[in-house]
Amino acid sequence: MTDRYDGVDLLADHSILLAVPAFLPAFLIAGVVVVIAVRDRRGGDDGDPPDDPATGPDTEPRKED
């Protein structure tokens, strides 16, 4: 395979072997994000009631006329 090139050492003969070091960190980070999201979803309710959009935490309740 390298008979044509004298003094050339072929370190990887397939493009997948060259691409793995580039994609491996991205897959690891994506995996960690997925694991954290799944654990958070399985964690259950926090106990805090959701805020009413009409009377959010920074607004006053609406007054009826």
PDB file of N, CA and C in Angstrom:
ATOM      1  N   MET A   1       0.817  -1.187   0.000  1.00  0.00           N
ATOM      2  CA  MET A   1       0.000   0.000   0.000  1.00  0.00           C
ATOM      3  C   MET A   1       0.864   1.256   0.000  1.00  0.00           C
ATOM      4  N   THR A   2       1.995   1.230   0.667  1.00  0.00           N
ATOM      5  CA  THR A   2       2.889   2.389   0.683  1.00  0.00           C
ATOM      6  C   THR A   2       4.130   2.136  -0.158  1.00  0.00           C
ATOM      7  N   ASP A   3       4.020   1.257  -1.106  1.00  0.00           N
ATOM      8  CA  ASP A   3       5.183   0.965  -1.956  1.00  0.00           C
ATOM      9  C   ASP A   3       5.529   2.136  -2.864  1.00  0.00           C
ATOM     10  N   ARG A   4       4.567   2.968  -3.154  1.00  0.00           N
ATOM     11  CA  ARG A   4       4.809   4.078  -4.080  1.00  0.00           C
ATOM     12  C   ARG A   4       5.579   5.219  -3.426  1.00  0.00           C
ATOM     13  N   TYR A   5       5.502   5.331  -2.115  1.00  0.00           N
ATOM     14  CA  TYR A   5       6.100   6.468  -1.421  1.00  0.00           C
ATOM     15  C   TYR A   5       7.204   5.979  -0.487  1.00  0.00           C
ATOM     16  N   ASP A   6       8.415   6.339  -0.809  1.00  0.00           N
ATOM     17  CA  ASP A   6       9.534   5.968   0.051  1.00  0.00           C
ATOM     18  C   ASP A   6       9.629   6.938   1.226  1.00  0.00           C
ATOM     19  N   GLY A   7       9.827   6.397   2.413  1.00  0.00           N
ATOM     20  CA  GLY A   7       9.990   7.230   3.593  1.00  0.00           C
ATOM     21  C   GLY A   7       8.688   7.752   4.169  1.00  0.00           C
ATOM     22  N   VAL A   8       7.552   7.232   3.716  1.00  0.00           N
ATOM     23  CA  VAL A   8       6.260   7.680   4.230  1.00  0.00           C
ATOM     24  C   VAL A   8       5.683   6.582   5.109  1.00  0.00           C
ATOM     25  N   ASP A   9       5.370   6.924   6.348  1.00  0.00           N
ATOM     26  CA  ASP A   9       4.733   5.987   7.261  1.00  0.00           C
ATOM     27  C   ASP A   9       3.249   6.306   7.317  1.00  0.00           C
ATOM     28  N   LEU A  10       2.445   5.341   6.987  1.00  0.00           N
ATOM     29  CA  LEU A  10       1.006   5.517   7.016  1.00  0.00           C
ATOM     30  C   LEU A  10       0.514   5.175   8.419  1.00  0.00           C
ATOM     31  N   LEU A  11       0.006   6.175   9.120  1.00  0.00           N
ATOM     32  CA  LEU A  11      -0.417   5.975  10.494  1.00  0.00           C
ATOM     33  C   LEU A  11      -1.855   5.480  10.588  1.00  0.00           C
ATOM     34  N   ALA A  12      -2.719   5.899   9.691  1.00  0.00           N
ATOM     35  CA  ALA A  12      -4.111   5.452   9.677  1.00  0.00           C
ATOM     36  C   ALA A  12      -4.509   5.233   8.225  1.00  0.00           C
ATOM     37  N   ASP A  13      -5.082   4.085   7.963  1.00  0.00           N
ATOM     38  CA  ASP A  13      -5.424   3.807   6.576  1.00  0.00           C
ATOM     39  C   ASP A  13      -6.915   3.934   6.308  1.00  0.00           C
ATOM     40  N   HIS A  14      -7.665   4.455   7.247  1.00  0.00           N
ATOM     41  CA  HIS A  14      -9.086   4.621   7.043  1.00  0.00           C
ATOM     42  C   HIS A  14      -9.531   5.949   7.640  1.00  0.00           C
ATOM     43  N   SER A  15     -10.443   6.623   6.966  1.00  0.00           N
ATOM     44  CA  SER A  15     -10.847   7.951   7.430  1.00  0.00           C
ATOM     45  C   SER A  15     -11.544   7.926   8.791  1.00  0.00           C
ATOM     46  N   ILE A  16     -12.186   6.807   9.135  1.00  0.00           N
ATOM     47  CA  ILE A  16     -12.831   6.710  10.451  1.00  0.00           C
ATOM     48  C   ILE A  16     -11.780   6.808  11.556  1.00  0.00           C
ATOM     49  N   LEU A  17     -10.638   6.178  11.353  1.00  0.00           N
ATOM     50  CA  LEU A  17      -9.588   6.237  12.369  1.00  0.00           C
ATOM     51  C   LEU A  17      -9.069   7.655  12.549  1.00  0.00           C
ATOM     52  N   LEU A  18      -9.115   8.438  11.496  1.00  0.00           N
ATOM     53  CA  LEU A  18      -8.682   9.828  11.605  1.00  0.00           C
ATOM     54  C   LEU A  18      -9.768  10.713  12.211  1.00  0.00           C
ATOM     55  N   ALA A  19     -11.035  10.347  12.028  1.00  0.00           N
ATOM     56  CA  ALA A  19     -12.141  11.190  12.497  1.00  0.00           C
ATOM     57  C   ALA A  19     -12.485  10.953  13.967  1.00  0.00           C
ATOM     58  N   VAL A  20     -12.185   9.779  14.495  1.00  0.00           N
ATOM     59  CA  VAL A  20     -12.564   9.456  15.875  1.00  0.00           C
ATOM     60  C   VAL A  20     -12.001  10.458  16.883  1.00  0.00           C
ATOM     61  N   PRO A  21     -10.756  10.836  16.822  1.00  0.00           N
ATOM     62  CA  PRO A  21     -10.260  11.806  17.813  1.00  0.00           C
ATOM     63  C   PRO A  21     -10.963  13.162  17.744  1.00  0.00           C
ATOM     64  N   ALA A  22     -11.506  13.510  16.590  1.00  0.00           N
ATOM     65  CA  ALA A  22     -12.191  14.795  16.471  1.00  0.00           C
ATOM     66  C   ALA A  22     -13.611  14.727  17.039  1.00  0.00           C
ATOM     67  N   PHE A  23     -14.299  13.608  16.849  1.00  0.00           N
ATOM     68  CA  PHE A  23     -15.692  13.502  17.268  1.00  0.00           C
ATOM     69  C   PHE A  23     -15.862  12.956  18.679  1.00  0.00           C
ATOM     70  N   LEU A  24     -14.896  12.276  19.206  1.00  0.00           N
ATOM     71  CA  LEU A  24     -15.022  11.663  20.522  1.00  0.00           C
ATOM     72  C   LEU A  24     -15.342  12.678  21.622  1.00  0.00           C
ATOM     73  N   PRO A  25     -14.675  13.808  21.713  1.00  0.00           N
ATOM     74  CA  PRO A  25     -15.037  14.784  22.762  1.00  0.00           C
ATOM     75  C   PRO A  25     -16.462  15.307  22.619  1.00  0.00           C
ATOM     76  N   ALA A  26     -16.914  15.510  21.394  1.00  0.00           N
ATOM     77  CA  ALA A  26     -18.286  15.993  21.187  1.00  0.00           C
ATOM     78  C   ALA A  26     -19.296  14.956  21.654  1.00  0.00           C
ATOM     79  N   PHE A  27     -19.050  13.679  21.354  1.00  0.00           N
ATOM     80  CA  PHE A  27     -19.956  12.622  21.791  1.00  0.00           C
ATOM     81  C   PHE A  27     -19.939  12.480  23.310  1.00  0.00           C
ATOM     82  N   LEU A  28     -18.788  12.650  23.927  1.00  0.00           N
ATOM     83  CA  LEU A  28     -18.710  12.568  25.378  1.00  0.00           C
ATOM     84  C   LEU A  28     -19.493  13.698  26.048  1.00  0.00           C
ATOM     85  N   ILE A  29     -19.356  14.897  25.540  1.00  0.00           N
ATOM     86  CA  ILE A  29     -20.081  16.032  26.114  1.00  0.00           C
ATOM     87  C   ILE A  29     -21.581  15.855  25.919  1.00  0.00           C
ATOM     88  N   ALA A  30     -21.992  15.418  24.734  1.00  0.00           N
ATOM     89  CA  ALA A  30     -23.418  15.183  24.481  1.00  0.00           C
ATOM     90  C   ALA A  30     -23.953  14.091  25.399  1.00  0.00           C
ATOM     91  N   GLY A  31     -23.163  13.060  25.642  1.00  0.00           N
ATOM     92  CA  GLY A  31     -23.591  11.987  26.535  1.00  0.00           C
ATOM     93  C   GLY A  31     -23.767  12.470  27.958  1.00  0.00           C
ATOM     94  N   VAL A  32     -22.867  13.300  28.425  1.00  0.00           N
ATOM     95  CA  VAL A  32     -22.975  13.842  29.785  1.00  0.00           C
ATOM     96  C   VAL A  32     -24.224  14.713  29.900  1.00  0.00           C
ATOM     97  N   VAL A  33     -24.498  15.516  28.895  1.00  0.00           N
ATOM     98  CA  VAL A  33     -25.694  16.368  28.920  1.00  0.00           C
ATOM     99  C   VAL A  33     -26.958  15.516  28.961  1.00  0.00           C
ATOM    100  N   VAL A  34     -26.995  14.448  28.174  1.00  0.00           N
ATOM    101  CA  VAL A  34     -28.168  13.559  28.162  1.00  0.00           C
ATOM    102  C   VAL A  34     -28.342  12.881  29.517  1.00  0.00           C
ATOM    103  N   VAL A  35     -27.252  12.409  30.110  1.00  0.00           N
ATOM    104  CA  VAL A  35     -27.346  11.754  31.418  1.00  0.00           C
ATOM    105  C   VAL A  35     -27.872  12.727  32.472  1.00  0.00           C
ATOM    106  N   ILE A  36     -27.383  13.941  32.471  1.00  0.00           N
ATOM    107  CA  ILE A  36     -27.854  14.938  33.441  1.00  0.00           C
ATOM    108  C   ILE A  36     -29.323  15.248  33.211  1.00  0.00           C
ATOM    109  N   ALA A  37     -29.742  15.386  31.961  1.00  0.00           N
ATOM    110  CA  ALA A  37     -31.146  15.680  31.667  1.00  0.00           C
ATOM    111  C   ALA A  37     -32.054  14.536  32.100  1.00  0.00           C
ATOM    112  N   VAL A  38     -31.642  13.290  31.858  1.00  0.00           N
ATOM    113  CA  VAL A  38     -32.463  12.142  32.249  1.00  0.00           C
ATOM    114  C   VAL A  38     -32.569  12.054  33.763  1.00  0.00           C
ATOM    115  N   ARG A  39     -31.481  12.274  34.462  1.00  0.00           N
ATOM    116  CA  ARG A  39     -31.525  12.236  35.931  1.00  0.00           C
ATOM    117  C   ARG A  39     -32.411  13.341  36.483  1.00  0.00           C
ATOM    118  N   ASP A  40     -32.363  14.507  35.863  1.00  0.00           N
ATOM    119  CA  ASP A  40     -33.189  15.617  36.315  1.00  0.00           C
ATOM    120  C   ASP A  40     -34.661  15.329  36.073  1.00  0.00           C
ATOM    121  N   ARG A  41     -34.990  14.721  34.947  1.00  0.00           N
ATOM    122  CA  ARG A  41     -36.387  14.397  34.647  1.00  0.00           C
ATOM    123  C   ARG A  41     -36.921  13.319  35.592  1.00  0.00           C
ATOM    124  N   ARG A  42     -36.082  12.369  35.963  1.00  0.00           N
ATOM    125  CA  ARG A  42     -36.507  11.299  36.866  1.00  0.00           C
ATOM    126  C   ARG A  42     -36.528  11.756  38.314  1.00  0.00           C
ATOM    127  N   GLY A  43     -35.938  12.898  38.586  1.00  0.00           N
ATOM    128  CA  GLY A  43     -35.836  13.391  39.950  1.00  0.00           C
ATOM    129  C   GLY A  43     -37.174  13.688  40.597  1.00  0.00           C
ATOM    130  N   GLY A  44     -38.184  13.933  39.815  1.00  0.00           N
ATOM    131  CA  GLY A  44     -39.498  14.199  40.372  1.00  0.00           C
ATOM    132  C   GLY A  44     -39.756  15.671  40.551  1.00  0.00           C
ATOM    133  N   ASP A  45     -40.825  15.939  41.297  1.00  0.00           N
ATOM    134  CA  ASP A  45     -41.267  17.305  41.519  1.00  0.00           C
ATOM    135  C   ASP A  45     -40.383  17.974  42.569  1.00  0.00           C
ATOM    136  N   ASP A  46     -40.093  19.247  42.355  1.00  0.00           N
ATOM    137  CA  ASP A  46     -39.281  20.006  43.306  1.00  0.00           C
ATOM    138  C   ASP A  46     -40.079  20.414  44.539  1.00  0.00           C
ATOM    139  N   GLY A  47     -41.398  20.414  44.410  1.00  0.00           N
ATOM    140  CA  GLY A  47     -42.228  20.867  45.508  1.00  0.00           C
ATOM    141  C   GLY A  47     -42.654  22.305  45.352  1.00  0.00           C
ATOM    142  N   ASP A  48     -42.042  23.050  44.459  1.00  0.00           N
ATOM    143  CA  ASP A  48     -42.416  24.433  44.214  1.00  0.00           C
ATOM    144  C   ASP A  48     -43.574  24.471  43.220  1.00  0.00           C
ATOM    145  N   PRO A  49     -44.659  25.171  43.549  1.00  0.00           N
ATOM    146  CA  PRO A  49     -45.747  25.277  42.584  1.00  0.00           C
ATOM    147  C   PRO A  49     -45.326  26.174  41.422  1.00  0.00           C
ATOM    148  N   PRO A  50     -45.800  25.897  40.230  1.00  0.00           N
ATOM    149  CA  PRO A  50     -45.433  26.765  39.097  1.00  0.00           C
ATOM    150  C   PRO A  50     -46.065  28.141  39.253  1.00  0.00           C
ATOM    151  N   ASP A  51     -45.371  29.150  38.761  1.00  0.00           N
ATOM    152  CA  ASP A  51     -45.879  30.520  38.835  1.00  0.00           C
ATOM    153  C   ASP A  51     -47.012  30.696  37.835  1.00  0.00           C
ATOM    154  N   ASP A  52     -48.021  31.446  38.265  1.00  0.00           N
ATOM    155  CA  ASP A  52     -49.128  31.778  37.377  1.00  0.00           C
ATOM    156  C   ASP A  52     -48.636  32.871  36.429  1.00  0.00           C
ATOM    157  N   PRO A  53     -48.762  32.683  35.104  1.00  0.00           N
ATOM    158  CA  PRO A  53     -48.248  33.703  34.184  1.00  0.00           C
ATOM    159  C   PRO A  53     -48.935  35.050  34.346  1.00  0.00           C
ATOM    160  N   ALA A  54     -50.193  35.046  34.784  1.00  0.00           N
ATOM    161  CA  ALA A  54     -50.897  36.319  34.948  1.00  0.00           C
ATOM    162  C   ALA A  54     -50.412  37.061  36.185  1.00  0.00           C
ATOM    163  N   THR A  55     -49.974  36.322  37.185  1.00  0.00           N
ATOM    164  CA  THR A  55     -49.501  36.947  38.425  1.00  0.00           C
ATOM    165  C   THR A  55     -48.137  36.385  38.773  1.00  0.00           C
ATOM    166  N   GLY A  56     -47.195  36.582  37.904  1.00  0.00           N
ATOM    167  CA  GLY A  56     -45.848  36.059  38.098  1.00  0.00           C
ATOM    168  C   GLY A  56     -45.205  36.617  39.346  1.00  0.00           C
ATOM    169  N   PRO A  57     -44.007  36.215  39.655  1.00  0.00           N
ATOM    170  CA  PRO A  57     -43.376  36.646  40.905  1.00  0.00           C
ATOM    171  C   PRO A  57     -43.076  38.133  40.961  1.00  0.00           C
ATOM    172  N   ASP A  58     -42.966  38.807  39.809  1.00  0.00           N
ATOM    173  CA  ASP A  58     -42.616  40.219  39.796  1.00  0.00           C
ATOM    174  C   ASP A  58     -43.809  41.120  39.486  1.00  0.00           C
ATOM    175  N   THR A  59     -45.013  40.567  39.403  1.00  0.00           N
ATOM    176  CA  THR A  59     -46.192  41.381  39.073  1.00  0.00           C
ATOM    177  C   THR A  59     -47.192  41.340  40.209  1.00  0.00           C
ATOM    178  N   GLU A  60     -48.011  42.353  40.269  1.00  0.00           N
ATOM    179  CA  GLU A  60     -49.072  42.388  41.264  1.00  0.00           C
ATOM    180  C   GLU A  60     -50.304  41.697  40.695  1.00  0.00           C
ATOM    181  N   PRO A  61     -51.135  41.135  41.548  1.00  0.00           N
ATOM    182  CA  PRO A  61     -52.351  40.496  41.046  1.00  0.00           C
ATOM    183  C   PRO A  61     -53.259  41.520  40.370  1.00  0.00           C
ATOM    184  N   ARG A  62     -54.004  41.070  39.375  1.00  0.00           N
ATOM    185  CA  ARG A  62     -54.915  41.964  38.655  1.00  0.00           C
ATOM    186  C   ARG A  62     -56.110  42.317  39.553  1.00  0.00           C
ATOM    187  N   LYS A  63     -56.505  43.570  39.480  1.00  0.00           N
ATOM    188  CA  LYS A  63     -57.667  44.030  40.245  1.00  0.00           C
ATOM    189  C   LYS A  63     -58.870  44.027  39.335  1.00  0.00           C
ATOM    190  N   GLU A  64     -59.963  43.497  39.857  1.00  0.00           N
ATOM    191  CA  GLU A  64     -61.204  43.464  39.080  1.00  0.00           C
ATOM    192  C   GLU A  64     -61.909  44.793  39.232  1.00  0.00           C
ATOM    193  N   ASP A  65     -62.575  45.257  38.166  1.00  0.00           N
ATOM    194  CA  ASP A  65     -63.292  46.534  38.200  1.00  0.00           C
ATOM    195  C   ASP A  65     -64.626  46.389  38.848  1.00  0.00           C
TER     196      ASP A  65
END
